Amino acid sequence: MTAPAGAIGTRTFPALGTFASLLVTDRRSLELAFGLLAGELLAVDMACSRFRPDSELWRVNHACGRPVPVGPLLAEALATALTAARITDGDVDPTCGQSLVRLGYDQDFAQAQQETGGLDQPPAPAAGWQTVELDRERSSVRIPQGVMLDLGATAKALAADRAAAQISAAVGCGVLVNLGGDIRVAGEAPAGGWRVGILDDLVYEAASSVHAEPSHMVIIWDGGLATSSTLVRAWQRGGSRLHHIIVPGTGRPADSCWQTVSVAAATCVDANTASTAAILRGERAPRWLDGLRLPARLVRRDGTAVTAGGWPADTAGTGSQA
């Protein structure tokens, strides 16, 4: 039976070490939209994965200080990561790869999470984003020997931005792409907007499920929404609980007053950059976000929430979770 025009189509599947959810306002476009999203995510993984020996980023990280030719997608992802580092004064730093390796995040997360023994090496501070030499004209990048790039803080958000724009242009209807909490919408929103549920206490074991009861519900019409959390990509090593949001200056996971920060912005990259930096900035974050006029909701370890930048007050509710 042909799906009626206007009926929302949805599809959820594993991707990039998390889940991907796709919603379109015309179900008849779902299969085409899914094909475009799957292709974009594969391209991003082949360009930006720290764990695939056949990825471009792997070649950069193992080039022993030599310049490496890169394709346009990795060049864009690197430029995006360096911009995020610059505008956050180095809080969101792509040179934290070696820091993550020292903490045991040295393989695909599902595998790394299975290792629980003690760490072999002390934490390693990030080398600093200024050490990355990206030549956009020659399409090449060089990092010093011993430096390792990790683009996890921005590449997934960039993928959401790119995919949503591409899909909306191709299918001519509204689209929402959610990559593990990095959300971008494009095209005309459904009547009443996109209802998005935010999970304040989501742990990794539940991260593949989008049916958990949301703690908070918001409606978005355009742009991006990102949630950063110290709970989702967390693991145990030698009795210590670790997570993936690293303080570049120490190489250790951020000991933040916030367990979850959600930010809305014009793009998913902007939202993700701000939400990650807010975790790192701790108590200074609400005023910083107010100054940027970025709507944000910050949740403390005890579950209490603080809003900034015009984020609406907490309201209880249920509905479709994007």
C-alpha atoms as a PDB file:
ATOM      1  CA  MET A   1       0.000   0.000   0.000  1.00  0.00           C
ATOM      2  CA  THR A   2       1.328   3.441  -0.873  1.00  0.00           C
ATOM      3  CA  ALA A   3       2.076   5.637   2.129  1.00  0.00           C
ATOM      4  CA  PRO A   4      -0.117   8.759   2.250  1.00  0.00           C
ATOM      5  CA  ALA A   5       1.506  12.082   1.541  1.00  0.00           C
ATOM      6  CA  GLY A   6       2.425  13.872   4.740  1.00  0.00           C
ATOM      7  CA  ALA A   7       2.724  10.768   6.906  1.00  0.00           C
ATOM      8  CA  ILE A   8       5.993  10.868   8.849  1.00  0.00           C
ATOM      9  CA  GLY A   9       8.436   8.084   8.036  1.00  0.00           C
ATOM     10  CA  THR A  10      11.066   6.925  10.521  1.00  0.00           C
ATOM     11  CA  ARG A  11      14.068   4.636  10.490  1.00  0.00           C
ATOM     12  CA  THR A  12      16.645   3.868  13.194  1.00  0.00           C
ATOM     13  CA  PHE A  13      19.835   1.857  12.794  1.00  0.00           C
ATOM     14  CA  PRO A  14      23.327   1.504  14.323  1.00  0.00           C
ATOM     15  CA  ALA A  15      25.960   3.908  12.983  1.00  0.00           C
ATOM     16  CA  LEU A  16      29.237   5.553  14.035  1.00  0.00           C
ATOM     17  CA  GLY A  17      29.336   3.617  17.295  1.00  0.00           C
ATOM     18  CA  THR A  18      25.892   4.877  18.325  1.00  0.00           C
ATOM     19  CA  PHE A  19      22.434   5.028  16.745  1.00  0.00           C
ATOM     20  CA  ALA A  20      21.139   7.014  13.803  1.00  0.00           C
ATOM     21  CA  SER A  21      17.492   8.067  13.594  1.00  0.00           C
ATOM     22  CA  LEU A  22      15.976   9.500  10.435  1.00  0.00           C
ATOM     23  CA  LEU A  23      12.556  11.165  10.236  1.00  0.00           C
ATOM     24  CA  VAL A  24      10.977  12.607   7.089  1.00  0.00           C
ATOM     25  CA  THR A  25       7.672  14.427   6.789  1.00  0.00           C
ATOM     26  CA  ASP A  26       6.693  12.426   3.693  1.00  0.00           C
ATOM     27  CA  ARG A  27       6.992   8.693   4.251  1.00  0.00           C
ATOM     28  CA  ARG A  28       7.176   8.054   0.521  1.00  0.00           C
ATOM     29  CA  SER A  29      10.654   9.622   0.571  1.00  0.00           C
ATOM     30  CA  LEU A  30      11.976   7.450   3.405  1.00  0.00           C
ATOM     31  CA  GLU A  31      13.919   4.882   1.389  1.00  0.00           C
ATOM     32  CA  LEU A  32      15.674   7.491  -0.732  1.00  0.00           C
ATOM     33  CA  ALA A  33      16.443   9.519   2.377  1.00  0.00           C
ATOM     34  CA  PHE A  34      17.786   6.447   4.157  1.00  0.00           C
ATOM     35  CA  GLY A  35      20.076   5.624   1.253  1.00  0.00           C
ATOM     36  CA  LEU A  36      21.473   9.156   1.271  1.00  0.00           C
ATOM     37  CA  LEU A  37      22.020   9.093   5.040  1.00  0.00           C
ATOM     38  CA  ALA A  38      23.665   5.683   4.984  1.00  0.00           C
ATOM     39  CA  GLY A  39      25.994   6.821   2.200  1.00  0.00           C
ATOM     40  CA  GLU A  40      26.959   9.984   4.078  1.00  0.00           C
ATOM     41  CA  LEU A  41      27.668   8.083   7.295  1.00  0.00           C
ATOM     42  CA  LEU A  42      29.844   5.559   5.485  1.00  0.00           C
ATOM     43  CA  ALA A  43      31.791   8.389   3.840  1.00  0.00           C
ATOM     44  CA  VAL A  44      32.300  10.113   7.203  1.00  0.00           C
ATOM     45  CA  ASP A  45      33.458   6.862   8.798  1.00  0.00           C
ATOM     46  CA  MET A  46      35.921   6.187   5.976  1.00  0.00           C
ATOM     47  CA  ALA A  47      37.296   9.712   6.281  1.00  0.00           C
ATOM     48  CA  CYS A  48      37.212  10.377  10.032  1.00  0.00           C
ATOM     49  CA  SER A  49      37.360   7.110  11.982  1.00  0.00           C
ATOM     50  CA  ARG A  50      40.216   6.811  14.469  1.00  0.00           C
ATOM     51  CA  PHE A  51      39.768   3.036  14.575  1.00  0.00           C
ATOM     52  CA  ARG A  52      39.565   1.921  10.919  1.00  0.00           C
ATOM     53  CA  PRO A  53      42.972   1.094   9.416  1.00  0.00           C
ATOM     54  CA  ASP A  54      41.500   1.943   5.993  1.00  0.00           C
ATOM     55  CA  SER A  55      40.341   5.450   6.986  1.00  0.00           C
ATOM     56  CA  GLU A  56      42.015   8.690   5.947  1.00  0.00           C
ATOM     57  CA  LEU A  57      42.363   9.807   9.554  1.00  0.00           C
ATOM     58  CA  TRP A  58      44.197   6.596  10.398  1.00  0.00           C
ATOM     59  CA  ARG A  59      46.757   7.427   7.718  1.00  0.00           C
ATOM     60  CA  VAL A  60      47.171  10.938   9.114  1.00  0.00           C
ATOM     61  CA  ASN A  61      47.598   9.647  12.666  1.00  0.00           C
ATOM     62  CA  HIS A  62      50.218   7.088  11.590  1.00  0.00           C
ATOM     63  CA  ALA A  63      52.208   9.210   9.146  1.00  0.00           C
ATOM     64  CA  CYS A  64      55.078   9.806  11.626  1.00  0.00           C
ATOM     65  CA  GLY A  65      55.037  13.557  11.087  1.00  0.00           C
ATOM     66  CA  ARG A  66      54.832  13.516   7.287  1.00  0.00           C
ATOM     67  CA  PRO A  67      52.238  15.493   5.279  1.00  0.00           C
ATOM     68  CA  VAL A  68      49.337  13.349   4.086  1.00  0.00           C
ATOM     69  CA  PRO A  69      47.015  14.116   1.135  1.00  0.00           C
ATOM     70  CA  VAL A  70      43.378  14.164   2.263  1.00  0.00           C
ATOM     71  CA  GLY A  71      40.051  14.251   0.492  1.00  0.00           C
ATOM     72  CA  PRO A  72      37.558  17.116   0.699  1.00  0.00           C
ATOM     73  CA  LEU A  73      35.431  15.483   3.411  1.00  0.00           C
ATOM     74  CA  LEU A  74      38.293  14.961   5.854  1.00  0.00           C
ATOM     75  CA  ALA A  75      39.627  18.434   5.036  1.00  0.00           C
ATOM     76  CA  GLU A  76      36.211  19.884   5.902  1.00  0.00           C
ATOM     77  CA  ALA A  77      36.008  17.814   9.091  1.00  0.00           C
ATOM     78  CA  LEU A  78      39.487  18.926  10.168  1.00  0.00           C
ATOM     79  CA  ALA A  79      38.737  22.566   9.413  1.00  0.00           C
ATOM     80  CA  THR A  80      35.530  22.247  11.429  1.00  0.00           C
ATOM     81  CA  ALA A  81      37.411  20.723  14.375  1.00  0.00           C
ATOM     82  CA  LEU A  82      40.070  23.436  14.304  1.00  0.00           C
ATOM     83  CA  THR A  83      37.425  26.156  14.197  1.00  0.00           C
ATOM     84  CA  ALA A  84      35.722  24.588  17.224  1.00  0.00           C
ATOM     85  CA  ALA A  85      39.053  24.591  19.057  1.00  0.00           C
ATOM     86  CA  ARG A  86      39.749  28.213  18.174  1.00  0.00           C
ATOM     87  CA  ILE A  87      36.359  29.608  19.181  1.00  0.00           C
ATOM     88  CA  THR A  88      36.371  27.704  22.507  1.00  0.00           C
ATOM     89  CA  ASP A  89      39.922  28.806  23.371  1.00  0.00           C
ATOM     90  CA  GLY A  90      41.119  25.230  23.028  1.00  0.00           C
ATOM     91  CA  ASP A  91      38.455  23.572  25.200  1.00  0.00           C
ATOM     92  CA  VAL A  92      37.253  21.409  22.297  1.00  0.00           C
ATOM     93  CA  ASP A  93      40.599  20.149  20.993  1.00  0.00           C
ATOM     94  CA  PRO A  94      40.986  17.514  18.229  1.00  0.00           C
ATOM     95  CA  THR A  95      44.485  16.558  19.430  1.00  0.00           C
ATOM     96  CA  CYS A  96      43.067  14.604  22.400  1.00  0.00           C
ATOM     97  CA  GLY A  97      43.437  11.297  20.565  1.00  0.00           C
ATOM     98  CA  GLN A  98      46.494  10.184  22.511  1.00  0.00           C
ATOM     99  CA  SER A  99      44.792  11.246  25.746  1.00  0.00           C
ATOM    100  CA  LEU A 100      41.892   8.896  24.968  1.00  0.00           C
ATOM    101  CA  VAL A 101      44.252   6.055  24.062  1.00  0.00           C
ATOM    102  CA  ARG A 102      46.044   6.413  27.421  1.00  0.00           C
ATOM    103  CA  LEU A 103      42.640   6.181  29.136  1.00  0.00           C
ATOM    104  CA  GLY A 104      41.803   2.921  27.391  1.00  0.00           C
ATOM    105  CA  TYR A 105      39.646   4.273  24.560  1.00  0.00           C
ATOM    106  CA  ASP A 106      42.004   2.783  21.983  1.00  0.00           C
ATOM    107  CA  GLN A 107      39.516   0.797  19.907  1.00  0.00           C
ATOM    108  CA  ASP A 108      35.883   0.891  18.868  1.00  0.00           C
ATOM    109  CA  PHE A 109      33.905   1.895  21.955  1.00  0.00           C
ATOM    110  CA  ALA A 110      31.875  -1.298  22.252  1.00  0.00           C
ATOM    111  CA  GLN A 111      35.155  -3.242  22.442  1.00  0.00           C
ATOM    112  CA  ALA A 112      36.965  -0.731  24.629  1.00  0.00           C
ATOM    113  CA  GLN A 113      34.137  -0.880  27.142  1.00  0.00           C
ATOM    114  CA  GLN A 114      34.765  -4.601  27.668  1.00  0.00           C
ATOM    115  CA  GLU A 115      38.275  -3.975  29.028  1.00  0.00           C
ATOM    116  CA  THR A 116      38.221  -3.221  32.750  1.00  0.00           C
ATOM    117  CA  GLY A 117      41.845  -3.749  33.833  1.00  0.00           C
ATOM    118  CA  GLY A 118      44.134  -1.009  35.070  1.00  0.00           C
ATOM    119  CA  LEU A 119      45.762   1.505  32.755  1.00  0.00           C
ATOM    120  CA  ASP A 120      49.346   0.959  31.619  1.00  0.00           C
ATOM    121  CA  GLN A 121      50.315   4.615  31.144  1.00  0.00           C
ATOM    122  CA  PRO A 122      49.604   7.919  32.890  1.00  0.00           C
ATOM    123  CA  PRO A 123      47.252  10.482  31.295  1.00  0.00           C
ATOM    124  CA  ALA A 124      48.680  12.469  28.390  1.00  0.00           C
ATOM    125  CA  PRO A 125      47.756  16.133  27.847  1.00  0.00           C
ATOM    126  CA  ALA A 126      46.678  17.089  24.339  1.00  0.00           C
ATOM    127  CA  ALA A 127      49.404  18.407  22.079  1.00  0.00           C
ATOM    128  CA  GLY A 128      47.285  21.440  21.231  1.00  0.00           C
ATOM    129  CA  TRP A 129      45.209  22.207  18.151  1.00  0.00           C
ATOM    130  CA  GLN A 130      47.809  24.721  16.934  1.00  0.00           C
ATOM    131  CA  THR A 131      50.128  21.798  16.108  1.00  0.00           C
ATOM    132  CA  VAL A 132      47.821  20.701  13.268  1.00  0.00           C
ATOM    133  CA  GLU A 133      48.946  21.953   9.852  1.00  0.00           C
ATOM    134  CA  LEU A 134      46.002  21.856   7.469  1.00  0.00           C
ATOM    135  CA  ASP A 135      46.663  23.123   3.942  1.00  0.00           C
ATOM    136  CA  ARG A 136      43.286  23.466   2.230  1.00  0.00           C
ATOM    137  CA  GLU A 137      44.843  24.587  -1.076  1.00  0.00           C
ATOM    138  CA  ARG A 138      47.066  21.516  -1.331  1.00  0.00           C
ATOM    139  CA  SER A 139      44.507  19.277   0.408  1.00  0.00           C
ATOM    140  CA  SER A 140      47.049  17.963   2.875  1.00  0.00           C
ATOM    141  CA  VAL A 141      47.528  17.777   6.624  1.00  0.00           C
ATOM    142  CA  ARG A 142      50.515  17.201   8.850  1.00  0.00           C
ATOM    143  CA  ILE A 143      50.649  16.530  12.568  1.00  0.00           C
ATOM    144  CA  PRO A 144      53.824  16.046  14.630  1.00  0.00           C
ATOM    145  CA  GLN A 145      54.950  12.517  15.335  1.00  0.00           C
ATOM    146  CA  GLY A 146      53.256  11.201  18.447  1.00  0.00           C
ATOM    147  CA  VAL A 147      50.182  13.408  18.050  1.00  0.00           C
ATOM    148  CA  MET A 148      46.867  11.655  17.428  1.00  0.00           C
ATOM    149  CA  LEU A 149      43.714  13.346  16.196  1.00  0.00           C
ATOM    150  CA  ASP A 150      40.244  12.412  17.400  1.00  0.00           C
ATOM    151  CA  LEU A 151      37.344  14.097  15.617  1.00  0.00           C
ATOM    152  CA  GLY A 152      34.596  12.618  17.764  1.00  0.00           C
ATOM    153  CA  ALA A 153      33.649  15.993  19.211  1.00  0.00           C
ATOM    154  CA  THR A 154      32.646  17.506  15.860  1.00  0.00           C
ATOM    155  CA  ALA A 155      32.597  14.956  13.009  1.00  0.00           C
ATOM    156  CA  LYS A 156      29.319  13.342  14.057  1.00  0.00           C
ATOM    157  CA  ALA A 157      27.649  16.742  14.299  1.00  0.00           C
ATOM    158  CA  LEU A 158      29.066  17.693  10.900  1.00  0.00           C
ATOM    159  CA  ALA A 159      27.636  14.469   9.477  1.00  0.00           C
ATOM    160  CA  ALA A 160      24.194  15.395  10.826  1.00  0.00           C
ATOM    161  CA  ASP A 161      24.409  18.859   9.241  1.00  0.00           C
ATOM    162  CA  ARG A 162      25.598  17.546   5.886  1.00  0.00           C
ATOM    163  CA  ALA A 163      23.112  14.681   5.727  1.00  0.00           C
ATOM    164  CA  ALA A 164      20.055  16.747   6.688  1.00  0.00           C
ATOM    165  CA  ALA A 165      20.839  19.397   4.055  1.00  0.00           C
ATOM    166  CA  GLN A 166      21.522  16.795   1.366  1.00  0.00           C
ATOM    167  CA  ILE A 167      18.381  14.790   2.105  1.00  0.00           C
ATOM    168  CA  SER A 168      16.083  17.813   2.270  1.00  0.00           C
ATOM    169  CA  ALA A 169      17.376  19.087  -1.061  1.00  0.00           C
ATOM    170  CA  ALA A 170      16.924  15.684  -2.682  1.00  0.00           C
ATOM    171  CA  VAL A 171      13.493  14.705  -1.385  1.00  0.00           C
ATOM    172  CA  GLY A 172      11.871  18.122  -1.006  1.00  0.00           C
ATOM    173  CA  CYS A 173      10.328  17.548   2.419  1.00  0.00           C
ATOM    174  CA  GLY A 174      11.179  18.122   6.055  1.00  0.00           C
ATOM    175  CA  VAL A 175      13.870  15.914   7.600  1.00  0.00           C
ATOM    176  CA  LEU A 176      15.357  15.295  11.018  1.00  0.00           C
ATOM    177  CA  VAL A 177      18.674  13.459  11.443  1.00  0.00           C
ATOM    178  CA  ASN A 178      19.667  12.334  14.924  1.00  0.00           C
ATOM    179  CA  LEU A 179      23.118  10.808  15.377  1.00  0.00           C
ATOM    180  CA  GLY A 180      23.302   9.745  18.999  1.00  0.00           C
ATOM    181  CA  GLY A 181      21.996  13.065  20.287  1.00  0.00           C
ATOM    182  CA  ASP A 182      23.473  15.272  17.568  1.00  0.00           C
ATOM    183  CA  ILE A 183      20.375  16.533  15.758  1.00  0.00           C
ATOM    184  CA  ARG A 184      19.857  18.626  12.649  1.00  0.00           C
ATOM    185  CA  VAL A 185      16.574  19.465  10.957  1.00  0.00           C
ATOM    186  CA  ALA A 186      16.089  20.862   7.473  1.00  0.00           C
ATOM    187  CA  GLY A 187      13.198  21.695   5.208  1.00  0.00           C
ATOM    188  CA  GLU A 188       9.662  22.406   6.375  1.00  0.00           C
ATOM    189  CA  ALA A 189       8.947  21.038   9.848  1.00  0.00           C
ATOM    190  CA  PRO A 190       5.785  19.015  10.504  1.00  0.00           C
ATOM    191  CA  ALA A 191       2.726  20.742  11.952  1.00  0.00           C
ATOM    192  CA  GLY A 192       3.605  21.713  15.503  1.00  0.00           C
ATOM    193  CA  GLY A 193       7.352  21.330  14.883  1.00  0.00           C
ATOM    194  CA  TRP A 194       9.699  18.456  15.704  1.00  0.00           C
ATOM    195  CA  ARG A 195       9.158  17.161  19.248  1.00  0.00           C
ATOM    196  CA  VAL A 196      12.503  16.059  20.648  1.00  0.00           C
ATOM    197  CA  GLY A 197      12.959  14.169  23.892  1.00  0.00           C
ATOM    198  CA  ILE A 198      16.120  14.716  25.946  1.00  0.00           C
ATOM    199  CA  LEU A 199      17.422  11.972  28.216  1.00  0.00           C
ATOM    200  CA  ASP A 200      19.248  13.434  31.200  1.00  0.00           C
ATOM    201  CA  ASP A 201      20.529  10.160  32.613  1.00  0.00           C
ATOM    202  CA  LEU A 202      21.055   8.040  29.497  1.00  0.00           C
ATOM    203  CA  VAL A 203      23.855   5.510  29.952  1.00  0.00           C
ATOM    204  CA  TYR A 204      25.631   3.751  27.111  1.00  0.00           C
ATOM    205  CA  GLU A 205      23.814   0.441  27.516  1.00  0.00           C
ATOM    206  CA  ALA A 206      20.595   2.252  26.629  1.00  0.00           C
ATOM    207  CA  ALA A 207      22.120   4.448  23.942  1.00  0.00           C
ATOM    208  CA  SER A 208      20.934   2.211  21.118  1.00  0.00           C
ATOM    209  CA  SER A 209      17.339   2.696  22.238  1.00  0.00           C
ATOM    210  CA  VAL A 210      15.294   5.741  21.338  1.00  0.00           C
ATOM    211  CA  HIS A 211      12.275   4.528  23.294  1.00  0.00           C
ATOM    212  CA  ALA A 212      13.503   5.368  26.785  1.00  0.00           C
ATOM    213  CA  GLU A 213      11.298   7.852  28.625  1.00  0.00           C
ATOM    214  CA  PRO A 214      12.624  11.378  28.004  1.00  0.00           C
ATOM    215  CA  SER A 215      13.348  13.626  30.949  1.00  0.00           C
ATOM    216  CA  HIS A 216      12.511  16.775  29.015  1.00  0.00           C
ATOM    217  CA  MET A 217      10.715  17.615  25.801  1.00  0.00           C
ATOM    218  CA  VAL A 218      11.359  20.514  23.428  1.00  0.00           C
ATOM    219  CA  ILE A 219      10.041  21.527  20.032  1.00  0.00           C
ATOM    220  CA  ILE A 220      12.443  22.621  17.303  1.00  0.00           C
ATOM    221  CA  TRP A 221      11.669  24.082  13.891  1.00  0.00           C
ATOM    222  CA  ASP A 222      15.069  24.536  12.293  1.00  0.00           C
ATOM    223  CA  GLY A 223      18.807  24.396  12.964  1.00  0.00           C
ATOM    224  CA  GLY A 224      20.634  22.033  15.276  1.00  0.00           C
ATOM    225  CA  LEU A 225      20.360  20.611  18.768  1.00  0.00           C
ATOM    226  CA  ALA A 226      23.117  18.679  20.530  1.00  0.00           C
ATOM    227  CA  THR A 227      23.440  16.993  23.893  1.00  0.00           C
ATOM    228  CA  SER A 228      26.835  16.270  25.455  1.00  0.00           C
ATOM    229  CA  SER A 229      27.035  13.933  28.421  1.00  0.00           C
ATOM    230  CA  THR A 230      29.602  12.425  30.764  1.00  0.00           C
ATOM    231  CA  LEU A 231      27.365   9.349  31.030  1.00  0.00           C
ATOM    232  CA  VAL A 232      26.978   8.019  27.501  1.00  0.00           C
ATOM    233  CA  ARG A 233      30.538   7.137  26.456  1.00  0.00           C
ATOM    234  CA  ALA A 234      31.794   6.041  29.859  1.00  0.00           C
ATOM    235  CA  TRP A 235      33.842   3.022  30.874  1.00  0.00           C
ATOM    236  CA  GLN A 236      35.629   1.467  33.859  1.00  0.00           C
ATOM    237  CA  ARG A 237      39.370   0.934  34.030  1.00  0.00           C
ATOM    238  CA  GLY A 238      41.123  -0.227  37.195  1.00  0.00           C
ATOM    239  CA  GLY A 239      38.247   0.827  39.438  1.00  0.00           C
ATOM    240  CA  SER A 240      38.014   4.319  37.930  1.00  0.00           C
ATOM    241  CA  ARG A 241      35.042   5.586  35.962  1.00  0.00           C
ATOM    242  CA  LEU A 242      36.177   7.400  32.820  1.00  0.00           C
ATOM    243  CA  HIS A 243      34.415   9.241  30.020  1.00  0.00           C
ATOM    244  CA  HIS A 244      35.257  10.769  26.635  1.00  0.00           C
ATOM    245  CA  ILE A 245      35.071  14.526  27.347  1.00  0.00           C
ATOM    246  CA  ILE A 246      38.731  15.340  27.982  1.00  0.00           C
ATOM    247  CA  VAL A 247      40.353  18.346  29.583  1.00  0.00           C
ATOM    248  CA  PRO A 248      43.065  19.064  26.984  1.00  0.00           C
ATOM    249  CA  GLY A 249      45.527  20.477  29.498  1.00  0.00           C
ATOM    250  CA  THR A 250      45.527  17.355  31.692  1.00  0.00           C
ATOM    251  CA  GLY A 251      44.421  14.533  29.405  1.00  0.00           C
ATOM    252  CA  ARG A 252      41.919  13.456  32.053  1.00  0.00           C
ATOM    253  CA  PRO A 253      38.112  13.251  31.806  1.00  0.00           C
ATOM    254  CA  ALA A 254      36.387  16.470  32.858  1.00  0.00           C
ATOM    255  CA  ASP A 255      35.296  16.485  36.502  1.00  0.00           C
ATOM    256  CA  SER A 256      32.314  18.670  35.678  1.00  0.00           C
ATOM    257  CA  CYS A 257      29.393  19.837  37.782  1.00  0.00           C
ATOM    258  CA  TRP A 258      27.224  19.023  34.735  1.00  0.00           C
ATOM    259  CA  GLN A 259      26.365  15.484  33.691  1.00  0.00           C
ATOM    260  CA  THR A 260      24.414  16.583  30.609  1.00  0.00           C
ATOM    261  CA  VAL A 261      24.272  19.782  28.566  1.00  0.00           C
ATOM    262  CA  SER A 262      21.900  20.396  25.644  1.00  0.00           C
ATOM    263  CA  VAL A 263      22.323  23.399  23.334  1.00  0.00           C
ATOM    264  CA  ALA A 264      20.339  24.679  20.359  1.00  0.00           C
ATOM    265  CA  ALA A 265      22.110  26.599  17.587  1.00  0.00           C
ATOM    266  CA  ALA A 266      21.977  27.392  13.891  1.00  0.00           C
ATOM    267  CA  THR A 267      23.868  24.184  13.063  1.00  0.00           C
ATOM    268  CA  CYS A 268      24.491  20.922  14.847  1.00  0.00           C
ATOM    269  CA  VAL A 269      28.239  21.617  14.796  1.00  0.00           C
ATOM    270  CA  ASP A 270      27.691  24.911  16.628  1.00  0.00           C
ATOM    271  CA  ALA A 271      25.381  23.224  19.130  1.00  0.00           C
ATOM    272  CA  ASN A 272      27.774  20.335  19.761  1.00  0.00           C
ATOM    273  CA  THR A 273      30.778  22.620  20.115  1.00  0.00           C
ATOM    274  CA  ALA A 274      28.959  24.703  22.722  1.00  0.00           C
ATOM    275  CA  SER A 275      27.534  21.742  24.656  1.00  0.00           C
ATOM    276  CA  THR A 276      30.939  20.049  24.875  1.00  0.00           C
ATOM    277  CA  ALA A 277      32.671  23.257  25.928  1.00  0.00           C
ATOM    278  CA  ALA A 278      29.969  23.858  28.551  1.00  0.00           C
ATOM    279  CA  ILE A 279      30.745  20.510  30.207  1.00  0.00           C
ATOM    280  CA  LEU A 280      34.387  21.568  30.408  1.00  0.00           C
ATOM    281  CA  ARG A 281      33.664  25.109  31.639  1.00  0.00           C
ATOM    282  CA  GLY A 282      31.598  23.949  34.595  1.00  0.00           C
ATOM    283  CA  GLU A 283      29.989  26.680  36.669  1.00  0.00           C
ATOM    284  CA  ARG A 284      31.104  29.357  34.174  1.00  0.00           C
ATOM    285  CA  ALA A 285      29.076  27.763  31.386  1.00  0.00           C
ATOM    286  CA  PRO A 286      25.604  29.342  31.903  1.00  0.00           C
ATOM    287  CA  ARG A 287      26.944  32.888  31.771  1.00  0.00           C
ATOM    288  CA  TRP A 288      29.089  32.010  28.737  1.00  0.00           C
ATOM    289  CA  LEU A 289      26.076  30.544  26.935  1.00  0.00           C
ATOM    290  CA  ASP A 290      23.950  33.554  27.885  1.00  0.00           C
ATOM    291  CA  GLY A 291      26.582  35.797  26.326  1.00  0.00           C
ATOM    292  CA  LEU A 292      26.428  33.789  23.107  1.00  0.00           C
ATOM    293  CA  ARG A 293      22.606  33.821  23.184  1.00  0.00           C
ATOM    294  CA  LEU A 294      22.559  30.069  22.743  1.00  0.00           C
ATOM    295  CA  PRO A 295      19.548  28.359  24.352  1.00  0.00           C
ATOM    296  CA  ALA A 296      20.868  25.665  26.690  1.00  0.00           C
ATOM    297  CA  ARG A 297      19.782  23.291  29.429  1.00  0.00           C
ATOM    298  CA  LEU A 298      22.448  22.100  31.865  1.00  0.00           C
ATOM    299  CA  VAL A 299      21.779  19.213  34.240  1.00  0.00           C
ATOM    300  CA  ARG A 300      23.750  18.736  37.439  1.00  0.00           C
ATOM    301  CA  ARG A 301      24.792  15.379  38.862  1.00  0.00           C
ATOM    302  CA  ASP A 302      21.810  15.440  41.248  1.00  0.00           C
ATOM    303  CA  GLY A 303      19.413  15.874  38.318  1.00  0.00           C
ATOM    304  CA  THR A 304      18.562  19.531  38.871  1.00  0.00           C
ATOM    305  CA  ALA A 305      18.537  21.636  35.723  1.00  0.00           C
ATOM    306  CA  VAL A 306      19.720  25.160  34.919  1.00  0.00           C
ATOM    307  CA  THR A 307      18.684  26.962  31.741  1.00  0.00           C
ATOM    308  CA  ALA A 308      20.505  29.677  29.821  1.00  0.00           C
ATOM    309  CA  GLY A 309      20.190  31.704  26.638  1.00  0.00           C
ATOM    310  CA  GLY A 310      16.388  31.637  26.539  1.00  0.00           C
ATOM    311  CA  TRP A 311      15.850  27.872  26.806  1.00  0.00           C
ATOM    312  CA  PRO A 312      12.207  27.282  27.832  1.00  0.00           C
ATOM    313  CA  ALA A 313      11.445  26.248  31.403  1.00  0.00           C
ATOM    314  CA  ASP A 314      11.238  22.534  32.125  1.00  0.00           C
ATOM    315  CA  THR A 315       7.877  21.006  31.279  1.00  0.00           C
ATOM    316  CA  ALA A 316       6.791  17.465  31.788  1.00  0.00           C
ATOM    317  CA  GLY A 317       5.399  15.667  28.792  1.00  0.00           C
ATOM    318  CA  THR A 318       5.508  12.723  26.498  1.00  0.00           C
ATOM    319  CA  GLY A 319       5.544  12.384  22.781  1.00  0.00           C
ATOM    320  CA  SER A 320       7.553  11.141  19.859  1.00  0.00           C
ATOM    321  CA  GLN A 321      11.240  11.200  20.625  1.00  0.00           C
ATOM    322  CA  ALA A 322      13.507  12.106  17.755  1.00  0.00           C
END
